[in-house]
Each structure stands twice: as C-alpha cells, then as structure tokens.
C-alpha cells in the first residue's frame, strides 16, 4: 500500500472510531451495535438499518463530534461497516433516501473507499435548494475529488443561499482568481439590486483581491 493510501486509511479509521465513541449515549446503543454487525455480515440489510437509524439513535447533535448529528453518525458507521461495494451502496441509499439520509451519505463519503465514484452525488446535492445538502456536499470529499469548476460553483451556491463558507473544506487552499472574478460579479449584481453580500463572502473576496494585487 502506498504511503498516501496508508495515511488515508488511518484517517478514515480514526474518524470512524471518533464517531463510534461519540455515539455512546444514543437511546438504543444495543440496536446500533447489532446493526453494525448485521450489515457487515449481510450487506443487503443496510437499507433497512439506514432508514431506522434516526428513530433508533435520535437526531440530536453530538457534543463529542461537532457538526454531526446522531443519525448522521450512525448512518456513516453503517456504511463504513459494509465489507465491499461502498460506491454501489452509497449511490442507492442517496438516490432513494430522504433529505436526512442523503446528507448522511454525503457526510460519510470521506470515510469510505469509493474513489471518485461519489462525485455525481455531489453534483446532485449542489443543484438542490436544500442548504444542508449543499453544505454537506462541500466537505473533505469534495476537497479531494470535486473538480475546480464544479467546486467554484458550489462555493457560489453557498453564497447565493446564505450557507456559511466555513462549511467549505479547504476553502482558502482552493480559492483562486477565477473564484474571485465570480464573487466580484455576484457582488456587483447584488449592489445593483440593493442587496448586500454575506460578510464571509465579502471577506473572502477581499483576501483574494489582496493576493492578486500582491
């Protein structure tokens, strides 16, 4: 295994362990433990377990895993427990899931060995008007696999919808002159319409402009 792949696998394992620990206080921990064993042994049971996770584990935010809710984390663990075909299962669960299930799939992508196969799911999420789906689509997986034009469009969609830019993983690393041009155009349109840009977008545009001038 190449060093980069070993690093990726170590990171995935650490995040899975963190989520598992954060779920220690769910309403039905035995159900979750049994479900993880079940999907590992019988992958065909994952849709049923995935759908039940919200009811069994709750939907509250997890204090020990900031940004995650209990149902999202439980569903991510169920996907990570599958022995094979993560790409096929994520596609099916996303396509047929409700909004909460779709978000969980998007949040789980960095934990799974799917390579670029999950990119179409990001494109779909970014096209929606669901702010939480858009936010979930621009996490660590997008940072690695989403191409630059699509990534820029995702950032613009966040600004347009009022999604805070802190949700965009690797924003400062990937932001470029073309994004600055797009932000400036949006700012001009909003000014002409008497509408303000979000503060975080204005700050990003200022940073990018200063970099170009320097």
N, C-alpha and C. Protein backbone atom coordinates (compact mmCIF):
# COMPACT_ATOMS: atom_id res chain seq x y z
N UNK A 1 0.85 -1.20 0.00
CA UNK A 1 0.00 0.00 0.00
C UNK A 1 0.88 1.25 0.00
N UNK A 2 0.57 2.18 -0.88
CA UNK A 2 1.34 3.42 -0.98
C UNK A 2 1.19 4.24 0.29
N UNK A 3 2.22 5.06 0.64
CA UNK A 3 2.15 5.86 1.86
C UNK A 3 0.90 6.73 1.92
N UNK A 4 0.53 7.35 0.78
CA UNK A 4 -0.67 8.20 0.78
C UNK A 4 -1.92 7.41 1.12
N UNK A 5 -2.01 6.19 0.56
CA UNK A 5 -3.18 5.35 0.84
C UNK A 5 -3.21 4.91 2.29
N UNK A 6 -2.03 4.63 2.84
CA UNK A 6 -1.98 4.26 4.26
C UNK A 6 -2.44 5.41 5.13
N UNK A 7 -2.03 6.64 4.78
CA UNK A 7 -2.44 7.82 5.54
C UNK A 7 -3.94 8.00 5.47
N UNK A 8 -4.51 7.83 4.26
CA UNK A 8 -5.95 7.98 4.08
C UNK A 8 -6.70 6.95 4.91
N UNK A 9 -6.24 5.71 4.87
CA UNK A 9 -6.90 4.66 5.63
C UNK A 9 -6.81 4.92 7.13
N UNK A 10 -5.67 5.40 7.59
CA UNK A 10 -5.52 5.72 9.02
C UNK A 10 -6.47 6.84 9.42
N UNK A 11 -6.61 7.84 8.56
CA UNK A 11 -7.52 8.95 8.85
C UNK A 11 -8.96 8.46 8.91
N UNK A 12 -9.34 7.60 7.97
CA UNK A 12 -10.70 7.06 7.97
C UNK A 12 -10.97 6.27 9.25
N UNK A 13 -10.02 5.43 9.62
CA UNK A 13 -10.20 4.61 10.82
C UNK A 13 -10.34 5.48 12.06
N UNK A 14 -9.54 6.53 12.14
CA UNK A 14 -9.60 7.43 13.29
C UNK A 14 -10.95 8.13 13.36
N UNK A 15 -11.48 8.55 12.20
CA UNK A 15 -12.77 9.23 12.20
C UNK A 15 -13.91 8.28 12.54
N UNK A 16 -13.85 7.05 12.04
CA UNK A 16 -14.85 6.05 12.41
C UNK A 16 -14.82 5.81 13.91
N UNK A 17 -13.64 5.66 14.48
CA UNK A 17 -13.51 5.44 15.92
C UNK A 17 -14.07 6.64 16.70
N UNK A 18 -13.82 7.85 16.20
CA UNK A 18 -14.32 9.05 16.88
C UNK A 18 -15.85 9.09 16.87
N UNK A 19 -16.45 8.75 15.75
CA UNK A 19 -17.90 8.76 15.67
C UNK A 19 -18.50 7.67 16.53
N UNK A 20 -17.87 6.52 16.53
CA UNK A 20 -18.37 5.42 17.36
C UNK A 20 -18.36 5.82 18.85
N UNK A 21 -17.27 6.47 19.28
CA UNK A 21 -17.18 6.92 20.67
C UNK A 21 -18.20 8.00 20.97
N UNK A 22 -18.44 8.87 20.01
CA UNK A 22 -19.38 9.97 20.23
C UNK A 22 -20.82 9.49 20.36
N UNK A 23 -21.09 8.29 19.85
CA UNK A 23 -22.45 7.75 19.88
C UNK A 23 -22.73 6.91 21.13
N UNK A 24 -21.86 7.01 22.11
CA UNK A 24 -22.01 6.15 23.29
C UNK A 24 -23.32 6.40 24.03
N UNK A 25 -23.88 7.59 23.90
CA UNK A 25 -25.08 7.92 24.66
C UNK A 25 -26.37 7.87 23.87
N UNK A 26 -26.38 7.20 22.72
CA UNK A 26 -27.61 7.15 21.92
C UNK A 26 -28.69 6.39 22.67
N UNK A 27 -29.97 6.65 22.34
CA UNK A 27 -31.06 6.00 23.08
C UNK A 27 -31.02 4.47 23.04
N UNK A 28 -30.55 3.89 21.93
CA UNK A 28 -30.58 2.43 21.81
C UNK A 28 -29.21 1.93 21.31
N UNK A 29 -28.18 1.98 22.16
CA UNK A 29 -26.84 1.59 21.72
C UNK A 29 -26.74 0.13 21.28
N UNK A 30 -27.55 -0.74 21.88
CA UNK A 30 -27.50 -2.15 21.50
C UNK A 30 -28.01 -2.35 20.07
N UNK A 31 -29.04 -1.57 19.71
CA UNK A 31 -29.52 -1.66 18.33
C UNK A 31 -28.40 -1.29 17.36
N UNK A 32 -27.69 -0.21 17.66
CA UNK A 32 -26.62 0.23 16.76
C UNK A 32 -25.53 -0.83 16.66
N UNK A 33 -25.12 -1.39 17.79
CA UNK A 33 -24.09 -2.43 17.77
C UNK A 33 -24.54 -3.63 16.94
N UNK A 34 -25.79 -4.04 17.13
CA UNK A 34 -26.31 -5.19 16.37
C UNK A 34 -26.40 -4.85 14.88
N UNK A 35 -26.82 -3.61 14.57
CA UNK A 35 -26.97 -3.21 13.17
C UNK A 35 -25.63 -3.19 12.46
N UNK A 36 -24.59 -2.75 13.15
CA UNK A 36 -23.26 -2.72 12.54
C UNK A 36 -22.78 -4.13 12.23
N UNK A 37 -23.01 -5.06 13.14
CA UNK A 37 -22.64 -6.46 12.89
C UNK A 37 -23.48 -7.04 11.75
N UNK A 38 -24.76 -6.66 11.72
CA UNK A 38 -25.66 -7.21 10.71
C UNK A 38 -25.26 -6.80 9.31
N UNK A 39 -24.99 -5.51 9.12
CA UNK A 39 -24.67 -5.06 7.75
C UNK A 39 -23.29 -5.57 7.31
N UNK A 40 -22.40 -5.78 8.27
CA UNK A 40 -21.09 -6.35 7.92
C UNK A 40 -21.24 -7.78 7.42
N UNK A 41 -22.18 -8.52 8.01
CA UNK A 41 -22.39 -9.92 7.63
C UNK A 41 -23.38 -10.07 6.48
N UNK A 42 -24.37 -9.18 6.44
CA UNK A 42 -25.42 -9.25 5.42
C UNK A 42 -25.63 -7.85 4.83
N UNK A 43 -24.82 -7.46 3.86
CA UNK A 43 -24.91 -6.10 3.31
C UNK A 43 -26.29 -5.73 2.78
N UNK A 44 -27.06 -6.71 2.37
CA UNK A 44 -28.39 -6.40 1.83
C UNK A 44 -29.32 -5.81 2.88
N UNK A 45 -28.95 -5.90 4.16
CA UNK A 45 -29.81 -5.35 5.22
C UNK A 45 -29.55 -3.87 5.46
N UNK A 46 -28.55 -3.29 4.78
CA UNK A 46 -28.19 -1.91 5.10
C UNK A 46 -29.31 -0.90 4.81
N UNK A 47 -30.12 -1.04 3.76
CA UNK A 47 -31.18 -0.04 3.57
C UNK A 47 -32.15 0.02 4.74
N UNK A 48 -32.51 -1.13 5.27
CA UNK A 48 -33.45 -1.15 6.40
C UNK A 48 -32.82 -0.52 7.64
N UNK A 49 -31.57 -0.86 7.92
CA UNK A 49 -30.89 -0.28 9.09
C UNK A 49 -30.68 1.23 8.90
N UNK A 50 -30.33 1.61 7.70
CA UNK A 50 -30.08 3.02 7.39
C UNK A 50 -31.32 3.84 7.65
N UNK A 51 -32.47 3.35 7.21
CA UNK A 51 -33.73 4.08 7.39
C UNK A 51 -34.12 4.16 8.86
N UNK A 52 -33.80 3.12 9.63
CA UNK A 52 -34.21 3.08 11.04
C UNK A 52 -33.29 3.88 11.96
N UNK A 53 -32.14 4.30 11.48
CA UNK A 53 -31.14 4.91 12.36
C UNK A 53 -31.65 6.17 13.06
N UNK A 54 -32.42 6.98 12.38
CA UNK A 54 -32.91 8.21 13.01
C UNK A 54 -33.82 7.91 14.18
N UNK A 55 -34.69 6.93 14.02
CA UNK A 55 -35.62 6.58 15.09
C UNK A 55 -34.89 5.90 16.25
N UNK A 56 -33.92 5.06 15.94
CA UNK A 56 -33.24 4.27 16.96
C UNK A 56 -32.14 5.05 17.70
N UNK A 57 -31.47 5.95 16.98
CA UNK A 57 -30.33 6.65 17.57
C UNK A 57 -30.61 8.11 17.89
N UNK A 58 -31.73 8.62 17.42
CA UNK A 58 -32.04 10.02 17.66
C UNK A 58 -31.40 10.92 16.61
N UNK A 59 -31.74 12.19 16.70
CA UNK A 59 -31.26 13.16 15.71
C UNK A 59 -30.57 14.36 16.36
N UNK A 60 -30.21 14.21 17.61
CA UNK A 60 -29.59 15.33 18.32
C UNK A 60 -28.14 15.52 17.89
N UNK A 61 -27.62 16.76 17.99
CA UNK A 61 -26.19 16.99 17.74
C UNK A 61 -25.34 16.20 18.72
N UNK A 62 -24.17 15.78 18.27
CA UNK A 62 -23.26 15.02 19.12
C UNK A 62 -22.20 15.96 19.71
N UNK A 63 -22.20 16.16 21.02
CA UNK A 63 -21.22 17.06 21.63
C UNK A 63 -19.77 16.66 21.36
N UNK A 64 -19.52 15.35 21.25
CA UNK A 64 -18.15 14.87 21.07
C UNK A 64 -17.75 14.75 19.58
N UNK A 65 -18.67 15.11 18.70
CA UNK A 65 -18.37 15.12 17.26
C UNK A 65 -19.06 16.34 16.66
N UNK A 66 -18.50 17.52 16.90
CA UNK A 66 -19.14 18.75 16.45
C UNK A 66 -19.47 18.72 14.95
N UNK A 67 -20.67 19.17 14.63
CA UNK A 67 -21.11 19.19 13.25
C UNK A 67 -21.89 17.96 12.83
N UNK A 68 -21.84 16.92 13.65
CA UNK A 68 -22.56 15.67 13.36
C UNK A 68 -23.78 15.56 14.24
N UNK A 69 -24.85 14.99 13.68
CA UNK A 69 -25.99 14.57 14.49
C UNK A 69 -25.92 13.06 14.68
N UNK A 70 -26.68 12.56 15.65
CA UNK A 70 -26.59 11.14 15.97
C UNK A 70 -26.98 10.26 14.78
N UNK A 71 -28.05 10.63 14.08
CA UNK A 71 -28.48 9.81 12.95
C UNK A 71 -27.45 9.83 11.82
N UNK A 72 -26.85 11.00 11.55
CA UNK A 72 -25.82 11.08 10.51
C UNK A 72 -24.62 10.19 10.85
N UNK A 73 -24.17 10.27 12.11
CA UNK A 73 -23.01 9.48 12.51
C UNK A 73 -23.31 7.99 12.47
N UNK A 74 -24.49 7.60 12.94
CA UNK A 74 -24.86 6.18 12.92
C UNK A 74 -24.91 5.66 11.49
N UNK A 75 -25.48 6.45 10.60
CA UNK A 75 -25.56 6.03 9.20
C UNK A 75 -24.18 5.96 8.55
N UNK A 76 -23.32 6.89 8.90
CA UNK A 76 -21.94 6.82 8.38
C UNK A 76 -21.24 5.56 8.85
N UNK A 77 -21.45 5.18 10.10
CA UNK A 77 -20.83 3.96 10.62
C UNK A 77 -21.39 2.72 9.92
N UNK A 78 -22.69 2.74 9.62
CA UNK A 78 -23.28 1.61 8.91
C UNK A 78 -22.65 1.44 7.53
N UNK A 79 -22.44 2.54 6.85
CA UNK A 79 -21.78 2.46 5.54
C UNK A 79 -20.34 1.98 5.67
N UNK A 80 -19.64 2.50 6.67
CA UNK A 80 -18.25 2.10 6.86
C UNK A 80 -18.13 0.62 7.25
N UNK A 81 -19.17 0.07 7.83
CA UNK A 81 -19.14 -1.34 8.25
C UNK A 81 -19.34 -2.31 7.09
N UNK A 82 -19.80 -1.81 5.95
CA UNK A 82 -20.01 -2.70 4.81
C UNK A 82 -18.68 -3.29 4.35
N UNK A 83 -18.66 -4.57 4.01
CA UNK A 83 -17.39 -5.20 3.63
C UNK A 83 -16.92 -4.86 2.22
N UNK A 84 -17.84 -4.42 1.35
CA UNK A 84 -17.46 -4.15 -0.05
C UNK A 84 -18.54 -3.31 -0.71
N UNK A 85 -18.24 -2.87 -1.94
CA UNK A 85 -19.17 -2.11 -2.79
C UNK A 85 -19.73 -0.88 -2.08
N UNK A 86 -18.86 -0.13 -1.46
CA UNK A 86 -19.31 1.11 -0.84
C UNK A 86 -19.93 2.05 -1.87
N UNK A 87 -19.33 2.11 -3.06
CA UNK A 87 -19.83 3.03 -4.09
C UNK A 87 -21.26 2.68 -4.49
N UNK A 88 -21.52 1.41 -4.70
CA UNK A 88 -22.86 0.99 -5.10
C UNK A 88 -23.89 1.28 -4.02
N UNK A 89 -23.55 1.00 -2.79
CA UNK A 89 -24.49 1.23 -1.69
C UNK A 89 -24.73 2.72 -1.47
N UNK A 90 -23.68 3.53 -1.53
CA UNK A 90 -23.89 4.97 -1.32
C UNK A 90 -24.77 5.55 -2.41
N UNK A 91 -24.58 5.11 -3.64
CA UNK A 91 -25.40 5.61 -4.73
C UNK A 91 -26.88 5.26 -4.51
N UNK A 92 -27.15 4.02 -4.15
CA UNK A 92 -28.53 3.58 -3.95
C UNK A 92 -29.17 4.30 -2.77
N UNK A 93 -28.46 4.37 -1.66
CA UNK A 93 -29.02 4.99 -0.46
C UNK A 93 -29.25 6.49 -0.67
N UNK A 94 -28.37 7.13 -1.41
CA UNK A 94 -28.56 8.55 -1.71
C UNK A 94 -29.76 8.74 -2.64
N UNK A 95 -29.81 7.99 -3.71
CA UNK A 95 -30.86 8.18 -4.71
C UNK A 95 -32.25 7.97 -4.14
N UNK A 96 -32.40 7.02 -3.23
CA UNK A 96 -33.72 6.68 -2.72
C UNK A 96 -33.97 7.20 -1.30
N UNK A 97 -33.02 7.92 -0.74
CA UNK A 97 -33.17 8.39 0.63
C UNK A 97 -33.91 9.70 0.74
N UNK A 98 -34.37 10.00 1.96
CA UNK A 98 -34.93 11.32 2.21
C UNK A 98 -33.77 12.30 2.43
N UNK A 99 -34.09 13.55 2.73
CA UNK A 99 -33.05 14.57 2.84
C UNK A 99 -32.02 14.22 3.91
N UNK A 100 -32.49 13.71 5.06
CA UNK A 100 -31.56 13.37 6.14
C UNK A 100 -30.64 12.22 5.73
N UNK A 101 -31.19 11.25 5.03
CA UNK A 101 -30.39 10.12 4.58
C UNK A 101 -29.38 10.54 3.51
N UNK A 102 -29.79 11.43 2.62
CA UNK A 102 -28.86 11.95 1.61
C UNK A 102 -27.70 12.68 2.28
N UNK A 103 -28.02 13.52 3.28
CA UNK A 103 -26.94 14.23 3.99
C UNK A 103 -25.98 13.27 4.64
N UNK A 104 -26.51 12.22 5.23
CA UNK A 104 -25.64 11.24 5.89
C UNK A 104 -24.70 10.56 4.89
N UNK A 105 -25.22 10.25 3.71
CA UNK A 105 -24.36 9.65 2.68
C UNK A 105 -23.23 10.61 2.31
N UNK A 106 -23.57 11.86 2.09
CA UNK A 106 -22.56 12.86 1.71
C UNK A 106 -21.52 13.02 2.82
N UNK A 107 -21.99 13.05 4.07
CA UNK A 107 -21.05 13.20 5.19
C UNK A 107 -20.15 11.98 5.32
N UNK A 108 -20.66 10.80 4.92
CA UNK A 108 -19.90 9.56 5.08
C UNK A 108 -18.86 9.35 4.00
N UNK A 109 -18.96 10.02 2.87
CA UNK A 109 -18.06 9.74 1.74
C UNK A 109 -16.57 9.75 2.10
N UNK A 110 -16.09 10.70 2.93
CA UNK A 110 -14.65 10.67 3.25
C UNK A 110 -14.23 9.44 4.04
N UNK A 111 -15.19 8.74 4.62
CA UNK A 111 -14.87 7.57 5.43
C UNK A 111 -14.83 6.27 4.62
N UNK A 112 -15.17 6.36 3.34
CA UNK A 112 -15.39 5.17 2.53
C UNK A 112 -14.39 5.06 1.39
N UNK A 113 -14.14 3.84 0.97
CA UNK A 113 -13.23 3.59 -0.14
C UNK A 113 -14.04 3.60 -1.44
N UNK A 114 -14.40 4.81 -1.90
CA UNK A 114 -15.22 4.92 -3.11
C UNK A 114 -14.48 5.63 -4.24
N UNK A 115 -13.27 6.14 -3.98
CA UNK A 115 -12.57 6.90 -5.00
C UNK A 115 -13.44 8.04 -5.50
N UNK A 116 -13.40 8.35 -6.80
CA UNK A 116 -14.21 9.45 -7.32
C UNK A 116 -15.65 9.07 -7.63
N UNK A 117 -16.07 7.85 -7.30
CA UNK A 117 -17.41 7.39 -7.68
C UNK A 117 -18.52 8.20 -7.03
N UNK A 118 -18.23 8.87 -5.93
CA UNK A 118 -19.26 9.66 -5.26
C UNK A 118 -19.45 11.05 -5.81
N UNK A 119 -18.64 11.45 -6.79
CA UNK A 119 -18.72 12.82 -7.32
C UNK A 119 -20.10 13.14 -7.91
N UNK A 120 -20.76 12.22 -8.64
CA UNK A 120 -22.10 12.55 -9.13
C UNK A 120 -23.09 12.91 -8.02
N UNK A 121 -22.91 12.34 -6.85
CA UNK A 121 -23.78 12.68 -5.73
C UNK A 121 -23.55 14.13 -5.30
N UNK A 122 -22.29 14.58 -5.34
CA UNK A 122 -22.00 15.97 -5.01
C UNK A 122 -22.67 16.91 -6.02
N UNK A 123 -22.56 16.58 -7.29
CA UNK A 123 -23.19 17.41 -8.32
C UNK A 123 -24.69 17.52 -8.07
N UNK A 124 -25.31 16.39 -7.74
CA UNK A 124 -26.75 16.40 -7.49
C UNK A 124 -27.09 17.28 -6.30
N UNK A 125 -26.34 17.13 -5.22
CA UNK A 125 -26.62 17.90 -4.00
C UNK A 125 -26.45 19.40 -4.23
N UNK A 126 -25.42 19.77 -4.96
CA UNK A 126 -25.16 21.19 -5.21
C UNK A 126 -26.26 21.81 -6.07
N UNK A 127 -26.92 21.01 -6.89
CA UNK A 127 -28.02 21.53 -7.72
C UNK A 127 -29.30 21.77 -6.93
N UNK A 128 -29.40 21.21 -5.73
CA UNK A 128 -30.64 21.34 -4.97
C UNK A 128 -30.74 22.71 -4.30
N UNK A 129 -31.90 22.97 -3.73
CA UNK A 129 -32.10 24.19 -2.94
C UNK A 129 -32.14 23.88 -1.45
N UNK A 130 -31.61 22.73 -1.06
CA UNK A 130 -31.53 22.34 0.34
C UNK A 130 -30.17 22.79 0.88
N UNK A 131 -30.18 23.78 1.75
CA UNK A 131 -28.91 24.34 2.23
C UNK A 131 -28.06 23.31 2.94
N UNK A 132 -28.68 22.38 3.65
CA UNK A 132 -27.90 21.38 4.39
C UNK A 132 -27.28 20.37 3.44
N UNK A 133 -27.94 20.07 2.33
CA UNK A 133 -27.33 19.18 1.34
C UNK A 133 -26.14 19.86 0.67
N UNK A 134 -26.32 21.13 0.31
CA UNK A 134 -25.22 21.86 -0.32
C UNK A 134 -24.02 21.91 0.63
N UNK A 135 -24.27 22.21 1.89
CA UNK A 135 -23.19 22.27 2.87
C UNK A 135 -22.49 20.92 3.01
N UNK A 136 -23.28 19.84 3.07
CA UNK A 136 -22.70 18.51 3.24
C UNK A 136 -21.87 18.10 2.02
N UNK A 137 -22.23 18.63 0.85
CA UNK A 137 -21.53 18.26 -0.38
C UNK A 137 -20.16 18.89 -0.50
N UNK A 138 -19.86 19.89 0.31
CA UNK A 138 -18.60 20.62 0.15
C UNK A 138 -17.61 20.34 1.27
N UNK A 139 -17.67 19.13 1.79
CA UNK A 139 -16.77 18.73 2.85
C UNK A 139 -15.45 18.17 2.34
N UNK A 140 -14.77 17.36 3.14
CA UNK A 140 -13.45 16.84 2.77
C UNK A 140 -13.42 16.02 1.49
N UNK A 141 -14.51 15.31 1.20
CA UNK A 141 -14.53 14.51 -0.02
C UNK A 141 -14.49 15.42 -1.25
N UNK A 142 -15.25 16.50 -1.23
CA UNK A 142 -15.24 17.45 -2.35
C UNK A 142 -13.87 18.09 -2.50
N UNK A 143 -13.24 18.37 -1.38
CA UNK A 143 -11.90 18.97 -1.45
C UNK A 143 -10.95 18.09 -2.25
N UNK A 144 -11.11 16.78 -2.14
CA UNK A 144 -10.19 15.87 -2.81
C UNK A 144 -10.61 15.54 -4.24
N UNK A 145 -11.92 15.42 -4.47
CA UNK A 145 -12.35 14.85 -5.75
C UNK A 145 -13.14 15.78 -6.66
N UNK A 146 -13.74 16.83 -6.15
CA UNK A 146 -14.56 17.69 -7.00
C UNK A 146 -13.66 18.59 -7.83
N UNK A 147 -13.88 18.63 -9.15
CA UNK A 147 -13.02 19.44 -10.00
C UNK A 147 -13.24 20.93 -9.72
N UNK A 148 -12.28 21.73 -10.13
CA UNK A 148 -12.28 23.14 -9.76
C UNK A 148 -13.51 23.91 -10.26
N UNK A 149 -13.94 23.74 -11.51
CA UNK A 149 -15.14 24.47 -11.94
C UNK A 149 -16.38 24.13 -11.12
N UNK A 150 -16.60 22.85 -10.84
CA UNK A 150 -17.76 22.45 -10.04
C UNK A 150 -17.62 22.94 -8.60
N UNK A 151 -16.38 22.90 -8.09
CA UNK A 151 -16.15 23.38 -6.72
C UNK A 151 -16.47 24.88 -6.62
N UNK A 152 -16.02 25.66 -7.59
CA UNK A 152 -16.33 27.09 -7.58
C UNK A 152 -17.84 27.32 -7.60
N UNK A 153 -18.54 26.56 -8.44
CA UNK A 153 -19.99 26.71 -8.49
C UNK A 153 -20.63 26.38 -7.15
N UNK A 154 -20.07 25.39 -6.46
CA UNK A 154 -20.57 25.05 -5.13
C UNK A 154 -20.38 26.19 -4.15
N UNK A 155 -19.22 26.83 -4.20
CA UNK A 155 -18.97 27.96 -3.31
C UNK A 155 -19.93 29.10 -3.63
N UNK A 156 -20.13 29.39 -4.91
CA UNK A 156 -21.08 30.44 -5.30
C UNK A 156 -22.49 30.10 -4.84
N UNK A 157 -22.85 28.83 -4.91
CA UNK A 157 -24.18 28.40 -4.46
C UNK A 157 -24.32 28.67 -2.97
N UNK A 158 -23.27 28.42 -2.19
CA UNK A 158 -23.30 28.72 -0.77
C UNK A 158 -23.55 30.21 -0.53
N UNK A 159 -22.83 31.05 -1.25
CA UNK A 159 -23.00 32.50 -1.08
C UNK A 159 -24.42 32.90 -1.45
N UNK A 160 -24.90 32.38 -2.56
CA UNK A 160 -26.23 32.72 -3.05
C UNK A 160 -27.31 32.32 -2.05
N UNK A 161 -27.13 31.15 -1.41
CA UNK A 161 -28.15 30.62 -0.50
C UNK A 161 -27.93 31.05 0.95
N UNK A 162 -26.83 31.72 1.22
CA UNK A 162 -26.55 32.13 2.59
C UNK A 162 -25.97 31.03 3.46
N UNK A 163 -25.37 30.02 2.85
CA UNK A 163 -24.71 28.96 3.61
C UNK A 163 -23.35 29.49 4.07
N UNK A 164 -23.05 29.44 5.35
CA UNK A 164 -21.75 29.96 5.82
C UNK A 164 -20.58 29.27 5.13
N UNK A 165 -19.60 30.05 4.74
CA UNK A 165 -18.48 29.50 3.98
C UNK A 165 -17.54 28.64 4.83
N UNK A 166 -17.68 28.67 6.13
CA UNK A 166 -16.82 27.80 6.94
C UNK A 166 -17.11 26.33 6.68
N UNK A 167 -18.25 26.01 6.07
CA UNK A 167 -18.56 24.61 5.79
C UNK A 167 -17.74 24.08 4.62
N UNK A 168 -17.14 24.96 3.82
CA UNK A 168 -16.39 24.55 2.63
C UNK A 168 -15.00 24.12 3.06
N UNK A 169 -14.76 22.82 3.02
CA UNK A 169 -13.46 22.31 3.45
C UNK A 169 -12.36 22.75 2.48
N UNK A 170 -11.27 23.27 3.03
CA UNK A 170 -10.15 23.69 2.20
C UNK A 170 -10.40 24.94 1.39
N UNK A 171 -11.29 25.80 1.87
CA UNK A 171 -11.67 26.99 1.10
C UNK A 171 -10.47 27.85 0.73
N UNK A 172 -9.64 28.18 1.69
CA UNK A 172 -8.51 29.06 1.40
C UNK A 172 -7.47 28.40 0.50
N UNK A 173 -7.37 27.08 0.56
CA UNK A 173 -6.40 26.38 -0.28
C UNK A 173 -6.84 26.35 -1.74
N UNK A 174 -8.15 26.23 -1.98
CA UNK A 174 -8.63 26.06 -3.35
C UNK A 174 -9.13 27.36 -3.99
N UNK A 175 -9.42 28.37 -3.19
CA UNK A 175 -9.92 29.63 -3.75
C UNK A 175 -8.88 30.22 -4.70
N UNK A 176 -9.33 30.67 -5.87
CA UNK A 176 -8.39 31.15 -6.89
C UNK A 176 -8.91 32.42 -7.55
N UNK A 177 -8.18 32.88 -8.55
CA UNK A 177 -8.52 34.13 -9.22
C UNK A 177 -9.87 34.03 -9.92
N UNK A 178 -10.18 32.88 -10.48
CA UNK A 178 -11.47 32.72 -11.16
C UNK A 178 -12.62 32.82 -10.17
N UNK A 179 -12.45 32.25 -8.98
CA UNK A 179 -13.48 32.39 -7.95
C UNK A 179 -13.64 33.86 -7.56
N UNK A 180 -12.52 34.57 -7.46
CA UNK A 180 -12.59 36.00 -7.13
C UNK A 180 -13.39 36.75 -8.18
N UNK A 181 -13.18 36.43 -9.46
CA UNK A 181 -13.93 37.07 -10.54
C UNK A 181 -15.42 36.79 -10.42
N UNK A 182 -15.75 35.55 -10.10
CA UNK A 182 -17.15 35.16 -9.95
C UNK A 182 -17.79 35.86 -8.75
N UNK A 183 -17.07 35.95 -7.65
CA UNK A 183 -17.58 36.64 -6.48
C UNK A 183 -17.78 38.13 -6.75
N UNK A 184 -16.83 38.71 -7.47
CA UNK A 184 -16.95 40.13 -7.79
C UNK A 184 -18.17 40.39 -8.66
N UNK A 185 -18.43 39.50 -9.61
CA UNK A 185 -19.61 39.63 -10.45
C UNK A 185 -20.89 39.53 -9.65
N UNK A 186 -20.94 38.57 -8.72
CA UNK A 186 -22.12 38.43 -7.87
C UNK A 186 -22.29 39.65 -6.98
N UNK A 187 -21.18 40.17 -6.45
CA UNK A 187 -21.25 41.36 -5.61
C UNK A 187 -21.80 42.54 -6.39
N UNK A 188 -21.39 42.69 -7.64
CA UNK A 188 -21.88 43.79 -8.47
C UNK A 188 -23.38 43.65 -8.72
N UNK A 189 -23.82 42.43 -8.99
CA UNK A 189 -25.24 42.20 -9.21
C UNK A 189 -26.05 42.55 -7.97
N UNK A 190 -25.55 42.15 -6.82
CA UNK A 190 -26.28 42.42 -5.58
C UNK A 190 -26.30 43.91 -5.25
N UNK A 191 -25.19 44.56 -5.51
CA UNK A 191 -25.15 46.01 -5.26
C UNK A 191 -26.17 46.72 -6.15
N UNK A 192 -26.24 46.31 -7.40
CA UNK A 192 -27.20 46.93 -8.33
C UNK A 192 -28.64 46.67 -7.91
N UNK A 193 -28.86 45.55 -7.25
CA UNK A 193 -30.21 45.21 -6.79
C UNK A 193 -30.50 45.72 -5.38
N UNK A 194 -29.52 46.43 -4.79
CA UNK A 194 -29.70 46.94 -3.43
C UNK A 194 -29.62 45.87 -2.37
N UNK A 195 -28.88 44.80 -2.65
CA UNK A 195 -28.74 43.71 -1.69
C UNK A 195 -27.27 43.55 -1.32
N UNK A 196 -27.03 43.19 -0.07
CA UNK A 196 -25.66 43.06 0.41
C UNK A 196 -25.15 41.64 0.23
N UNK A 197 -23.85 41.52 0.08
CA UNK A 197 -23.20 40.21 0.09
C UNK A 197 -23.04 39.75 1.54
N UNK A 198 -23.05 38.43 1.79
CA UNK A 198 -22.73 37.95 3.14
C UNK A 198 -21.34 38.40 3.56
N UNK A 199 -21.17 38.65 4.85
CA UNK A 199 -19.88 39.16 5.34
C UNK A 199 -18.73 38.21 5.01
N UNK A 200 -18.97 36.89 5.14
CA UNK A 200 -17.85 35.97 4.90
C UNK A 200 -17.45 35.95 3.43
N UNK A 201 -18.41 36.16 2.53
CA UNK A 201 -18.08 36.21 1.11
C UNK A 201 -17.32 37.49 0.78
N UNK A 202 -17.72 38.59 1.42
CA UNK A 202 -17.01 39.86 1.22
C UNK A 202 -15.57 39.75 1.71
N UNK A 203 -15.40 39.11 2.85
CA UNK A 203 -14.05 38.93 3.40
C UNK A 203 -13.20 38.04 2.50
N UNK A 204 -13.80 36.98 1.96
CA UNK A 204 -13.06 36.10 1.05
C UNK A 204 -12.64 36.86 -0.20
N UNK A 205 -13.56 37.63 -0.76
CA UNK A 205 -13.23 38.40 -1.95
C UNK A 205 -12.10 39.39 -1.66
N UNK A 206 -12.12 40.00 -0.50
CA UNK A 206 -11.06 40.95 -0.13
C UNK A 206 -9.71 40.24 -0.04
N UNK A 207 -9.69 39.05 0.56
CA UNK A 207 -8.44 38.30 0.67
C UNK A 207 -7.92 37.90 -0.69
N UNK A 208 -8.81 37.43 -1.56
CA UNK A 208 -8.36 37.02 -2.89
C UNK A 208 -7.87 38.22 -3.70
N UNK A 209 -8.55 39.34 -3.58
CA UNK A 209 -8.14 40.54 -4.31
C UNK A 209 -6.78 41.02 -3.84
N UNK A 210 -6.56 40.97 -2.52
CA UNK A 210 -5.28 41.40 -1.95
C UNK A 210 -4.16 40.48 -2.44
N UNK A 211 -4.44 39.19 -2.55
CA UNK A 211 -3.43 38.25 -3.03
C UNK A 211 -3.05 38.55 -4.47
N UNK A 212 -4.06 38.84 -5.28
CA UNK A 212 -3.80 39.14 -6.70
C UNK A 212 -2.99 40.43 -6.84
N UNK A 213 -3.32 41.42 -6.04
CA UNK A 213 -2.62 42.69 -6.10
C UNK A 213 -1.18 42.54 -5.65
N UNK A 214 -0.97 41.63 -4.67
CA UNK A 214 0.38 41.42 -4.17
C UNK A 214 1.26 40.69 -5.15
